[in-house]
Amino acid sequence: MNNQEKDSNIEAQLLRIKAEAELKMQQKEAGIVDNELDVKKLLHELQVHQIELEMQNEELREANESTELALKRFTMLYDLAPMGYFTLDQNANICELNFTGAEMLGERRFSLINNNFKLFIADESKLTFSDFFSKVFSSNYKESCVVQLGYGNNLMSRVYMEGVVTGDDSNCLLSVVDISNLQR
């Protein structure tokens, strides 16, 4: 080691000694006592806190697994149900729907969002649907009707539908069952 490296090493050691002295001075001013008992208490508190965090982490992991299982169940019940489920706003615009509902309307699911459901009601059933839809929003009861789905000259299927308005967001929950085969 040459003289310059020795001097640099000595300077670093002196700087460390000064820093430790400064830290002790700051701790005294702040009322922190360098006491082995205090250090053991602090270490104990940190260890207990670490175990608490590990326990909370395990609880969160279990809650996450439970949530994912509930989501799978919801997907099976809603998205893959054998009947069409729709959520319509007060203007009959489609807010949400399941795969069966999209299939009934002959479109892709996400292309139907924000479309008006009335566009898919055959002309011969528009009045029936309008009366039904008005009743759904004016009463607090489940309403039902039978209508023909279709647009233009394209008739699709005869359906039985039930609707009810939800409390918080005032949307219509609509279930739709294809009854074309029952009437043949």
N, C-alpha and C. Protein backbone atom coordinates (compact mmCIF):
# COMPACT_ATOMS: atom_id res chain seq x y z
N MET A 1 0.85 -1.17 0.00
CA MET A 1 0.00 0.00 0.00
C MET A 1 0.89 1.23 0.00
N ASN A 2 0.65 2.17 -0.89
CA ASN A 2 1.48 3.36 -0.95
C ASN A 2 0.96 4.40 0.05
N ASN A 3 1.71 5.48 0.19
CA ASN A 3 1.38 6.53 1.17
C ASN A 3 0.02 7.17 0.91
N GLN A 4 -0.32 7.36 -0.34
CA GLN A 4 -1.59 7.99 -0.68
C GLN A 4 -2.77 7.10 -0.26
N GLU A 5 -2.63 5.79 -0.48
CA GLU A 5 -3.69 4.87 -0.07
C GLU A 5 -3.81 4.82 1.45
N LYS A 6 -2.64 4.86 2.15
CA LYS A 6 -2.66 4.86 3.63
C LYS A 6 -3.36 6.10 4.15
N ASP A 7 -3.03 7.24 3.58
CA ASP A 7 -3.66 8.49 4.01
C ASP A 7 -5.18 8.45 3.76
N SER A 8 -5.57 7.91 2.63
CA SER A 8 -7.00 7.81 2.30
C SER A 8 -7.71 6.88 3.28
N ASN A 9 -7.04 5.77 3.65
CA ASN A 9 -7.61 4.83 4.59
C ASN A 9 -7.74 5.46 5.98
N ILE A 10 -6.73 6.20 6.39
CA ILE A 10 -6.77 6.88 7.70
C ILE A 10 -7.88 7.93 7.71
N GLU A 11 -8.02 8.66 6.62
CA GLU A 11 -9.08 9.67 6.52
C GLU A 11 -10.46 9.02 6.62
N ALA A 12 -10.65 7.86 5.99
CA ALA A 12 -11.93 7.16 6.05
C ALA A 12 -12.22 6.70 7.48
N GLN A 13 -11.16 6.21 8.17
CA GLN A 13 -11.35 5.78 9.56
C GLN A 13 -11.69 6.97 10.46
N LEU A 14 -11.01 8.08 10.26
CA LEU A 14 -11.29 9.29 11.05
C LEU A 14 -12.71 9.78 10.79
N LEU A 15 -13.13 9.73 9.53
CA LEU A 15 -14.49 10.15 9.18
C LEU A 15 -15.52 9.26 9.87
N ARG A 16 -15.25 7.96 9.91
CA ARG A 16 -16.16 7.03 10.57
C ARG A 16 -16.22 7.34 12.07
N ILE A 17 -15.09 7.57 12.68
CA ILE A 17 -15.07 7.88 14.11
C ILE A 17 -15.86 9.16 14.39
N LYS A 18 -15.69 10.16 13.55
CA LYS A 18 -16.44 11.41 13.70
C LYS A 18 -17.94 11.18 13.52
N ALA A 19 -18.31 10.35 12.52
CA ALA A 19 -19.72 10.07 12.26
C ALA A 19 -20.34 9.34 13.44
N GLU A 20 -19.62 8.36 14.01
CA GLU A 20 -20.15 7.64 15.17
C GLU A 20 -20.31 8.57 16.37
N ALA A 21 -19.37 9.47 16.53
CA ALA A 21 -19.46 10.44 17.63
C ALA A 21 -20.66 11.36 17.41
N GLU A 22 -20.85 11.78 16.20
CA GLU A 22 -21.99 12.64 15.86
C GLU A 22 -23.31 11.90 16.11
N LEU A 23 -23.38 10.63 15.73
CA LEU A 23 -24.58 9.83 15.95
C LEU A 23 -24.88 9.71 17.44
N LYS A 24 -23.84 9.45 18.24
CA LYS A 24 -24.05 9.36 19.70
C LYS A 24 -24.56 10.68 20.25
N MET A 25 -24.04 11.77 19.73
CA MET A 25 -24.47 13.10 20.17
C MET A 25 -25.94 13.33 19.81
N GLN A 26 -26.32 12.97 18.60
CA GLN A 26 -27.71 13.12 18.17
C GLN A 26 -28.64 12.22 18.97
N GLN A 27 -28.18 11.01 19.29
CA GLN A 27 -29.00 10.10 20.08
C GLN A 27 -29.20 10.63 21.50
N LYS A 28 -28.15 11.23 22.07
CA LYS A 28 -28.27 11.80 23.41
C LYS A 28 -29.26 12.96 23.40
N GLU A 29 -29.14 13.81 22.38
CA GLU A 29 -30.06 14.94 22.27
C GLU A 29 -31.50 14.48 22.07
N ALA A 30 -31.67 13.40 21.35
CA ALA A 30 -33.01 12.88 21.10
C ALA A 30 -33.51 12.01 22.25
N GLY A 31 -32.67 11.76 23.24
CA GLY A 31 -33.07 10.96 24.40
C GLY A 31 -32.95 9.48 24.15
N ILE A 32 -32.20 9.07 23.16
CA ILE A 32 -32.01 7.65 22.88
C ILE A 32 -30.80 7.17 23.67
N VAL A 33 -31.04 6.16 24.50
CA VAL A 33 -29.97 5.63 25.34
C VAL A 33 -29.43 4.37 24.66
N ASP A 34 -28.13 4.32 24.54
CA ASP A 34 -27.49 3.14 23.97
C ASP A 34 -27.38 2.10 25.07
N ASN A 35 -28.43 1.35 25.21
CA ASN A 35 -28.55 0.43 26.31
C ASN A 35 -28.89 -0.94 25.74
N GLU A 36 -28.22 -1.95 26.23
CA GLU A 36 -28.43 -3.31 25.72
C GLU A 36 -29.86 -3.78 25.96
N LEU A 37 -30.47 -3.38 27.07
CA LEU A 37 -31.84 -3.77 27.38
C LEU A 37 -32.80 -3.16 26.37
N ASP A 38 -32.58 -1.89 26.02
CA ASP A 38 -33.42 -1.23 25.03
C ASP A 38 -33.28 -1.90 23.66
N VAL A 39 -32.09 -2.29 23.32
CA VAL A 39 -31.85 -2.95 22.04
C VAL A 39 -32.58 -4.30 22.01
N LYS A 40 -32.54 -5.04 23.11
CA LYS A 40 -33.22 -6.34 23.17
C LYS A 40 -34.74 -6.16 23.06
N LYS A 41 -35.27 -5.12 23.73
CA LYS A 41 -36.71 -4.84 23.64
C LYS A 41 -37.10 -4.51 22.20
N LEU A 42 -36.29 -3.67 21.60
CA LEU A 42 -36.55 -3.27 20.22
C LEU A 42 -36.48 -4.47 19.27
N LEU A 43 -35.48 -5.33 19.47
CA LEU A 43 -35.35 -6.53 18.64
C LEU A 43 -36.57 -7.43 18.83
N HIS A 44 -37.00 -7.60 20.08
CA HIS A 44 -38.18 -8.42 20.37
C HIS A 44 -39.41 -7.85 19.67
N GLU A 45 -39.63 -6.54 19.75
CA GLU A 45 -40.77 -5.90 19.10
C GLU A 45 -40.73 -6.09 17.59
N LEU A 46 -39.55 -5.98 17.01
CA LEU A 46 -39.41 -6.17 15.57
C LEU A 46 -39.72 -7.61 15.17
N GLN A 47 -39.27 -8.57 15.97
CA GLN A 47 -39.54 -9.97 15.68
C GLN A 47 -41.04 -10.27 15.79
N VAL A 48 -41.68 -9.75 16.83
CA VAL A 48 -43.13 -9.94 16.98
C VAL A 48 -43.86 -9.31 15.80
N HIS A 49 -43.45 -8.11 15.42
CA HIS A 49 -44.09 -7.43 14.29
C HIS A 49 -43.90 -8.22 12.99
N GLN A 50 -42.73 -8.81 12.82
CA GLN A 50 -42.48 -9.61 11.62
C GLN A 50 -43.42 -10.82 11.59
N ILE A 51 -43.60 -11.49 12.72
CA ILE A 51 -44.50 -12.64 12.78
C ILE A 51 -45.94 -12.21 12.51
N GLU A 52 -46.35 -11.05 13.07
CA GLU A 52 -47.69 -10.53 12.79
C GLU A 52 -47.89 -10.29 11.30
N LEU A 53 -46.88 -9.71 10.66
CA LEU A 53 -46.97 -9.45 9.22
C LEU A 53 -47.05 -10.75 8.42
N GLU A 54 -46.28 -11.75 8.83
CA GLU A 54 -46.34 -13.05 8.16
C GLU A 54 -47.73 -13.68 8.30
N MET A 55 -48.33 -13.55 9.48
CA MET A 55 -49.67 -14.08 9.71
C MET A 55 -50.71 -13.33 8.86
N GLN A 56 -50.59 -12.01 8.80
CA GLN A 56 -51.49 -11.22 7.97
C GLN A 56 -51.33 -11.58 6.50
N ASN A 57 -50.09 -11.80 6.09
CA ASN A 57 -49.82 -12.18 4.70
C ASN A 57 -50.49 -13.51 4.38
N GLU A 58 -50.43 -14.47 5.30
CA GLU A 58 -51.09 -15.76 5.09
C GLU A 58 -52.60 -15.60 5.00
N GLU A 59 -53.18 -14.76 5.85
CA GLU A 59 -54.62 -14.49 5.80
C GLU A 59 -55.01 -13.87 4.46
N LEU A 60 -54.19 -12.93 3.99
CA LEU A 60 -54.46 -12.30 2.68
C LEU A 60 -54.37 -13.32 1.55
N ARG A 61 -53.40 -14.22 1.63
CA ARG A 61 -53.25 -15.25 0.61
C ARG A 61 -54.48 -16.16 0.59
N GLU A 62 -54.97 -16.54 1.77
CA GLU A 62 -56.17 -17.38 1.85
C GLU A 62 -57.40 -16.63 1.34
N ALA A 63 -57.52 -15.34 1.67
CA ALA A 63 -58.64 -14.54 1.18
C ALA A 63 -58.59 -14.42 -0.34
N ASN A 64 -57.40 -14.28 -0.88
CA ASN A 64 -57.24 -14.18 -2.33
C ASN A 64 -57.67 -15.48 -3.01
N GLU A 65 -57.27 -16.62 -2.44
CA GLU A 65 -57.67 -17.91 -3.00
C GLU A 65 -59.19 -18.06 -2.95
N SER A 66 -59.80 -17.65 -1.85
CA SER A 66 -61.25 -17.72 -1.70
C SER A 66 -61.95 -16.83 -2.72
N THR A 67 -61.41 -15.65 -2.94
CA THR A 67 -61.97 -14.72 -3.92
C THR A 67 -61.87 -15.29 -5.33
N GLU A 68 -60.75 -15.91 -5.65
CA GLU A 68 -60.60 -16.49 -6.98
C GLU A 68 -61.57 -17.65 -7.19
N LEU A 69 -61.80 -18.45 -6.16
CA LEU A 69 -62.76 -19.54 -6.25
C LEU A 69 -64.18 -18.99 -6.45
N ALA A 70 -64.52 -17.92 -5.73
CA ALA A 70 -65.84 -17.29 -5.89
C ALA A 70 -65.99 -16.72 -7.29
N LEU A 71 -64.94 -16.15 -7.84
CA LEU A 71 -64.98 -15.61 -9.20
C LEU A 71 -65.22 -16.72 -10.22
N LYS A 72 -64.58 -17.89 -10.03
CA LYS A 72 -64.80 -19.01 -10.93
C LYS A 72 -66.26 -19.47 -10.86
N ARG A 73 -66.79 -19.53 -9.65
CA ARG A 73 -68.19 -19.93 -9.48
C ARG A 73 -69.12 -18.93 -10.15
N PHE A 74 -68.86 -17.64 -9.95
CA PHE A 74 -69.67 -16.60 -10.57
C PHE A 74 -69.62 -16.73 -12.09
N THR A 75 -68.45 -16.96 -12.62
CA THR A 75 -68.30 -17.10 -14.06
C THR A 75 -69.13 -18.27 -14.57
N MET A 76 -69.09 -19.37 -13.85
CA MET A 76 -69.88 -20.53 -14.27
C MET A 76 -71.37 -20.22 -14.19
N LEU A 77 -71.81 -19.58 -13.12
CA LEU A 77 -73.23 -19.31 -12.93
C LEU A 77 -73.75 -18.23 -13.88
N TYR A 78 -72.96 -17.22 -14.12
CA TYR A 78 -73.43 -16.09 -14.93
C TYR A 78 -73.06 -16.25 -16.40
N ASP A 79 -71.80 -16.30 -16.67
CA ASP A 79 -71.35 -16.29 -18.07
C ASP A 79 -71.77 -17.52 -18.85
N LEU A 80 -71.78 -18.68 -18.20
CA LEU A 80 -72.04 -19.92 -18.93
C LEU A 80 -73.44 -20.48 -18.67
N ALA A 81 -74.32 -19.67 -18.10
CA ALA A 81 -75.69 -20.11 -17.80
C ALA A 81 -76.43 -20.43 -19.09
N PRO A 82 -77.41 -21.35 -19.03
CA PRO A 82 -78.15 -21.71 -20.24
C PRO A 82 -79.22 -20.69 -20.63
N MET A 83 -79.33 -19.60 -19.91
CA MET A 83 -80.27 -18.53 -20.26
C MET A 83 -79.51 -17.22 -20.38
N GLY A 84 -80.10 -16.29 -21.11
CA GLY A 84 -79.46 -15.00 -21.29
C GLY A 84 -79.68 -14.11 -20.09
N TYR A 85 -78.61 -13.50 -19.64
CA TYR A 85 -78.68 -12.51 -18.56
C TYR A 85 -78.20 -11.18 -19.11
N PHE A 86 -78.99 -10.13 -18.81
CA PHE A 86 -78.66 -8.79 -19.26
C PHE A 86 -78.82 -7.82 -18.10
N THR A 87 -78.02 -6.78 -18.10
CA THR A 87 -78.24 -5.63 -17.23
C THR A 87 -78.48 -4.45 -18.16
N LEU A 88 -79.68 -3.84 -18.02
CA LEU A 88 -80.06 -2.73 -18.88
C LEU A 88 -80.21 -1.47 -18.04
N ASP A 89 -79.80 -0.33 -18.60
CA ASP A 89 -80.04 0.93 -17.89
C ASP A 89 -81.47 1.40 -18.15
N GLN A 90 -81.83 2.56 -17.67
CA GLN A 90 -83.21 3.04 -17.78
C GLN A 90 -83.63 3.32 -19.22
N ASN A 91 -82.67 3.45 -20.11
CA ASN A 91 -82.98 3.66 -21.53
C ASN A 91 -82.94 2.37 -22.34
N ALA A 92 -82.78 1.24 -21.65
CA ALA A 92 -82.69 -0.10 -22.25
C ALA A 92 -81.36 -0.33 -22.96
N ASN A 93 -80.34 0.45 -22.63
CA ASN A 93 -79.01 0.19 -23.16
C ASN A 93 -78.39 -0.97 -22.38
N ILE A 94 -77.70 -1.84 -23.10
CA ILE A 94 -77.09 -3.02 -22.48
C ILE A 94 -75.81 -2.60 -21.75
N CYS A 95 -75.81 -2.81 -20.43
CA CYS A 95 -74.62 -2.51 -19.62
C CYS A 95 -73.74 -3.76 -19.48
N GLU A 96 -74.38 -4.91 -19.28
CA GLU A 96 -73.67 -6.18 -19.13
C GLU A 96 -74.53 -7.29 -19.71
N LEU A 97 -73.89 -8.37 -20.11
CA LEU A 97 -74.62 -9.54 -20.58
C LEU A 97 -73.70 -10.75 -20.53
N ASN A 98 -74.33 -11.93 -20.52
CA ASN A 98 -73.52 -13.14 -20.53
C ASN A 98 -73.40 -13.68 -21.96
N PHE A 99 -72.65 -14.78 -22.10
CA PHE A 99 -72.41 -15.34 -23.42
C PHE A 99 -73.70 -15.84 -24.09
N THR A 100 -74.59 -16.44 -23.30
CA THR A 100 -75.84 -16.94 -23.86
C THR A 100 -76.69 -15.79 -24.39
N GLY A 101 -76.72 -14.68 -23.67
CA GLY A 101 -77.45 -13.51 -24.12
C GLY A 101 -76.92 -12.99 -25.44
N ALA A 102 -75.60 -12.94 -25.57
CA ALA A 102 -75.00 -12.49 -26.83
C ALA A 102 -75.34 -13.44 -27.96
N GLU A 103 -75.32 -14.74 -27.67
CA GLU A 103 -75.67 -15.75 -28.68
C GLU A 103 -77.12 -15.58 -29.12
N MET A 104 -78.02 -15.29 -28.18
CA MET A 104 -79.43 -15.08 -28.52
C MET A 104 -79.62 -13.90 -29.47
N LEU A 105 -78.78 -12.88 -29.29
CA LEU A 105 -78.88 -11.69 -30.13
C LEU A 105 -78.05 -11.80 -31.40
N GLY A 106 -77.30 -12.89 -31.53
CA GLY A 106 -76.54 -13.14 -32.75
C GLY A 106 -75.34 -12.24 -32.95
N GLU A 107 -74.79 -11.75 -31.85
CA GLU A 107 -73.64 -10.84 -31.94
C GLU A 107 -72.56 -11.29 -30.95
N ARG A 108 -71.40 -10.68 -31.07
CA ARG A 108 -70.33 -10.93 -30.10
C ARG A 108 -70.64 -10.14 -28.83
N ARG A 109 -70.31 -10.72 -27.72
CA ARG A 109 -70.68 -10.17 -26.42
C ARG A 109 -70.27 -8.70 -26.25
N PHE A 110 -69.01 -8.41 -26.45
CA PHE A 110 -68.53 -7.07 -26.14
C PHE A 110 -68.95 -6.03 -27.18
N SER A 111 -69.37 -6.48 -28.35
CA SER A 111 -69.86 -5.52 -29.34
C SER A 111 -71.28 -5.06 -29.00
N LEU A 112 -71.95 -5.78 -28.08
CA LEU A 112 -73.32 -5.42 -27.70
C LEU A 112 -73.39 -4.41 -26.56
N ILE A 113 -72.31 -4.25 -25.82
CA ILE A 113 -72.30 -3.30 -24.71
C ILE A 113 -72.63 -1.91 -25.23
N ASN A 114 -73.52 -1.22 -24.53
CA ASN A 114 -74.00 0.13 -24.84
C ASN A 114 -74.97 0.19 -26.03
N ASN A 115 -75.28 -0.95 -26.64
CA ASN A 115 -76.33 -0.98 -27.66
C ASN A 115 -77.69 -1.03 -26.97
N ASN A 116 -78.69 -0.51 -27.63
CA ASN A 116 -80.02 -0.52 -27.06
C ASN A 116 -80.68 -1.87 -27.32
N PHE A 117 -81.17 -2.48 -26.25
CA PHE A 117 -81.79 -3.80 -26.34
C PHE A 117 -83.01 -3.77 -27.26
N LYS A 118 -83.69 -2.64 -27.33
CA LYS A 118 -84.90 -2.53 -28.15
C LYS A 118 -84.60 -2.77 -29.64
N LEU A 119 -83.36 -2.57 -30.06
CA LEU A 119 -82.99 -2.82 -31.45
C LEU A 119 -83.14 -4.30 -31.81
N PHE A 120 -83.14 -5.17 -30.81
CA PHE A 120 -83.20 -6.61 -31.05
C PHE A 120 -84.59 -7.19 -30.79
N ILE A 121 -85.57 -6.31 -30.61
CA ILE A 121 -86.96 -6.74 -30.44
C ILE A 121 -87.65 -6.60 -31.79
N ALA A 122 -88.29 -7.68 -32.24
CA ALA A 122 -89.00 -7.65 -33.53
C ALA A 122 -90.12 -6.61 -33.47
N ASP A 123 -90.42 -6.03 -34.62
CA ASP A 123 -91.43 -4.97 -34.70
C ASP A 123 -92.75 -5.39 -34.05
N GLU A 124 -93.16 -6.62 -34.26
CA GLU A 124 -94.42 -7.11 -33.73
C GLU A 124 -94.46 -7.16 -32.21
N SER A 125 -93.28 -7.11 -31.56
CA SER A 125 -93.21 -7.21 -30.10
C SER A 125 -92.75 -5.94 -29.42
N LYS A 126 -92.48 -4.90 -30.18
CA LYS A 126 -91.94 -3.67 -29.59
C LYS A 126 -92.89 -3.07 -28.55
N LEU A 127 -94.19 -3.04 -28.81
CA LEU A 127 -95.15 -2.48 -27.86
C LEU A 127 -95.19 -3.33 -26.58
N THR A 128 -95.20 -4.64 -26.73
CA THR A 128 -95.20 -5.55 -25.57
C THR A 128 -93.96 -5.30 -24.71
N PHE A 129 -92.80 -5.19 -25.38
CA PHE A 129 -91.56 -4.96 -24.63
C PHE A 129 -91.59 -3.59 -23.96
N SER A 130 -92.05 -2.57 -24.64
CA SER A 130 -92.11 -1.22 -24.05
C SER A 130 -93.00 -1.20 -22.81
N ASP A 131 -94.16 -1.85 -22.88
CA ASP A 131 -95.05 -1.92 -21.72
C ASP A 131 -94.36 -2.66 -20.56
N PHE A 132 -93.75 -3.79 -20.89
CA PHE A 132 -93.02 -4.58 -19.89
C PHE A 132 -91.93 -3.75 -19.24
N PHE A 133 -91.14 -3.07 -20.05
CA PHE A 133 -90.00 -2.31 -19.56
C PHE A 133 -90.45 -1.15 -18.68
N SER A 134 -91.54 -0.50 -19.05
CA SER A 134 -92.10 0.59 -18.23
C SER A 134 -92.55 0.06 -16.88
N LYS A 135 -93.23 -1.09 -16.88
CA LYS A 135 -93.71 -1.69 -15.64
C LYS A 135 -92.55 -2.07 -14.72
N VAL A 136 -91.48 -2.57 -15.30
CA VAL A 136 -90.31 -2.96 -14.50
C VAL A 136 -89.81 -1.76 -13.70
N PHE A 137 -89.75 -0.60 -14.34
CA PHE A 137 -89.21 0.58 -13.66
C PHE A 137 -90.25 1.30 -12.79
N SER A 138 -91.52 1.07 -13.03
CA SER A 138 -92.53 1.76 -12.22
C SER A 138 -92.97 0.94 -11.01
N SER A 139 -92.70 -0.34 -11.01
CA SER A 139 -93.08 -1.17 -9.86
C SER A 139 -91.82 -1.67 -9.16
N ASN A 140 -92.02 -2.19 -7.98
CA ASN A 140 -90.90 -2.79 -7.26
C ASN A 140 -90.97 -4.31 -7.34
N TYR A 141 -91.64 -4.81 -8.35
CA TYR A 141 -91.86 -6.24 -8.48
C TYR A 141 -91.23 -6.77 -9.75
N LYS A 142 -91.06 -8.08 -9.77
CA LYS A 142 -90.57 -8.75 -10.96
C LYS A 142 -91.70 -8.76 -11.99
N GLU A 143 -91.38 -8.40 -13.21
CA GLU A 143 -92.35 -8.39 -14.31
C GLU A 143 -91.89 -9.40 -15.35
N SER A 144 -92.81 -9.85 -16.19
CA SER A 144 -92.44 -10.81 -17.22
C SER A 144 -93.25 -10.56 -18.49
N CYS A 145 -92.75 -11.09 -19.60
CA CYS A 145 -93.46 -11.00 -20.88
C CYS A 145 -92.86 -12.01 -21.86
N VAL A 146 -93.54 -12.19 -22.97
CA VAL A 146 -93.06 -13.03 -24.06
C VAL A 146 -92.95 -12.13 -25.28
N VAL A 147 -91.79 -12.13 -25.93
CA VAL A 147 -91.58 -11.30 -27.12
C VAL A 147 -90.82 -12.09 -28.18
N GLN A 148 -90.83 -11.54 -29.36
CA GLN A 148 -90.08 -12.11 -30.48
C GLN A 148 -88.81 -11.30 -30.65
N LEU A 149 -87.66 -11.96 -30.62
CA LEU A 149 -86.40 -11.27 -30.91
C LEU A 149 -86.20 -11.23 -32.41
N GLY A 150 -85.58 -10.16 -32.87
CA GLY A 150 -85.29 -10.03 -34.29
C GLY A 150 -85.02 -8.58 -34.63
N TYR A 151 -84.51 -8.36 -35.82
CA TYR A 151 -84.32 -6.99 -36.30
C TYR A 151 -84.51 -7.00 -37.81
N GLY A 152 -85.13 -5.93 -38.27
CA GLY A 152 -85.47 -5.88 -39.69
C GLY A 152 -86.42 -7.02 -40.02
N ASN A 153 -86.16 -7.74 -41.09
CA ASN A 153 -86.98 -8.89 -41.48
C ASN A 153 -86.44 -10.20 -40.91
N ASN A 154 -85.40 -10.10 -40.10
CA ASN A 154 -84.75 -11.28 -39.55
C ASN A 154 -85.32 -11.62 -38.18
N LEU A 155 -86.26 -12.57 -38.12
CA LEU A 155 -86.81 -13.01 -36.84
C LEU A 155 -85.88 -14.08 -36.28
N MET A 156 -85.56 -13.96 -34.99
CA MET A 156 -84.61 -14.90 -34.41
C MET A 156 -85.29 -15.95 -33.55
N SER A 157 -85.85 -15.57 -32.42
CA SER A 157 -86.47 -16.55 -31.54
C SER A 157 -87.52 -15.90 -30.66
N ARG A 158 -88.44 -16.73 -30.20
CA ARG A 158 -89.45 -16.28 -29.25
C ARG A 158 -88.87 -16.53 -27.87
N VAL A 159 -88.97 -15.51 -26.99
CA VAL A 159 -88.35 -15.62 -25.67
C VAL A 159 -89.31 -15.21 -24.57
N TYR A 160 -89.10 -15.81 -23.41
CA TYR A 160 -89.78 -15.42 -22.18
C TYR A 160 -88.75 -14.64 -21.39
N MET A 161 -89.13 -13.46 -20.91
CA MET A 161 -88.18 -12.66 -20.12
C MET A 161 -88.80 -12.20 -18.83
N GLU A 162 -87.95 -12.11 -17.83
CA GLU A 162 -88.32 -11.57 -16.53
C GLU A 162 -87.33 -10.46 -16.20
N GLY A 163 -87.86 -9.41 -15.60
CA GLY A 163 -86.99 -8.29 -15.25
C GLY A 163 -87.35 -7.72 -13.90
N VAL A 164 -86.37 -7.18 -13.23
CA VAL A 164 -86.55 -6.50 -11.95
C VAL A 164 -85.49 -5.40 -11.86
N VAL A 165 -85.82 -4.33 -11.15
CA VAL A 165 -84.88 -3.21 -11.01
C VAL A 165 -84.09 -3.39 -9.73
N THR A 166 -82.79 -3.19 -9.83
CA THR A 166 -81.93 -3.28 -8.64
C THR A 166 -82.02 -1.98 -7.86
N GLY A 167 -81.76 -2.07 -6.57
CA GLY A 167 -81.93 -0.92 -5.69
C GLY A 167 -80.93 0.20 -5.89
N ASP A 168 -79.64 -0.11 -5.85
CA ASP A 168 -78.63 0.93 -5.81
C ASP A 168 -78.45 1.69 -7.11
N ASP A 169 -78.27 0.96 -8.20
CA ASP A 169 -77.96 1.64 -9.46
C ASP A 169 -79.14 1.78 -10.40
N SER A 170 -80.32 1.35 -9.97
CA SER A 170 -81.55 1.48 -10.76
C SER A 170 -81.41 0.92 -12.16
N ASN A 171 -80.74 -0.22 -12.27
CA ASN A 171 -80.67 -0.92 -13.55
C ASN A 171 -81.64 -2.09 -13.54
N CYS A 172 -82.02 -2.52 -14.71
CA CYS A 172 -82.92 -3.66 -14.86
C CYS A 172 -82.10 -4.93 -15.05
N LEU A 173 -82.32 -5.90 -14.17
CA LEU A 173 -81.73 -7.22 -14.35
C LEU A 173 -82.74 -8.04 -15.15
N LEU A 174 -82.31 -8.56 -16.27
CA LEU A 174 -83.20 -9.22 -17.20
C LEU A 174 -82.71 -10.63 -17.48
N SER A 175 -83.60 -11.61 -17.29
CA SER A 175 -83.28 -12.98 -17.69
C SER A 175 -84.15 -13.32 -18.89
N VAL A 176 -83.54 -14.01 -19.86
CA VAL A 176 -84.22 -14.30 -21.12
C VAL A 176 -84.05 -15.78 -21.45
N VAL A 177 -85.18 -16.44 -21.69
CA VAL A 177 -85.16 -17.88 -22.00
C VAL A 177 -85.79 -18.07 -23.39
N ASP A 178 -85.10 -18.80 -24.24
CA ASP A 178 -85.61 -19.11 -25.58
C ASP A 178 -86.71 -20.17 -25.44
N ILE A 179 -87.92 -19.81 -25.86
CA ILE A 179 -89.05 -20.76 -25.77
C ILE A 179 -89.54 -21.18 -27.16
N SER A 180 -88.72 -20.91 -28.17
CA SER A 180 -89.12 -21.25 -29.56
C SER A 180 -89.45 -22.74 -29.69
N ASN A 181 -88.65 -23.60 -29.10
CA ASN A 181 -88.84 -25.05 -29.21
C ASN A 181 -90.08 -25.51 -28.45
N LEU A 182 -90.47 -24.80 -27.41
CA LEU A 182 -91.63 -25.19 -26.62
C LEU A 182 -92.93 -24.95 -27.37
N GLN A 183 -92.94 -23.97 -28.26
CA GLN A 183 -94.16 -23.62 -28.95
C GLN A 183 -94.36 -24.39 -30.25
N ARG A 184 -93.38 -25.20 -30.64
CA ARG A 184 -93.49 -25.93 -31.91
C ARG A 184 -94.32 -27.16 -31.76
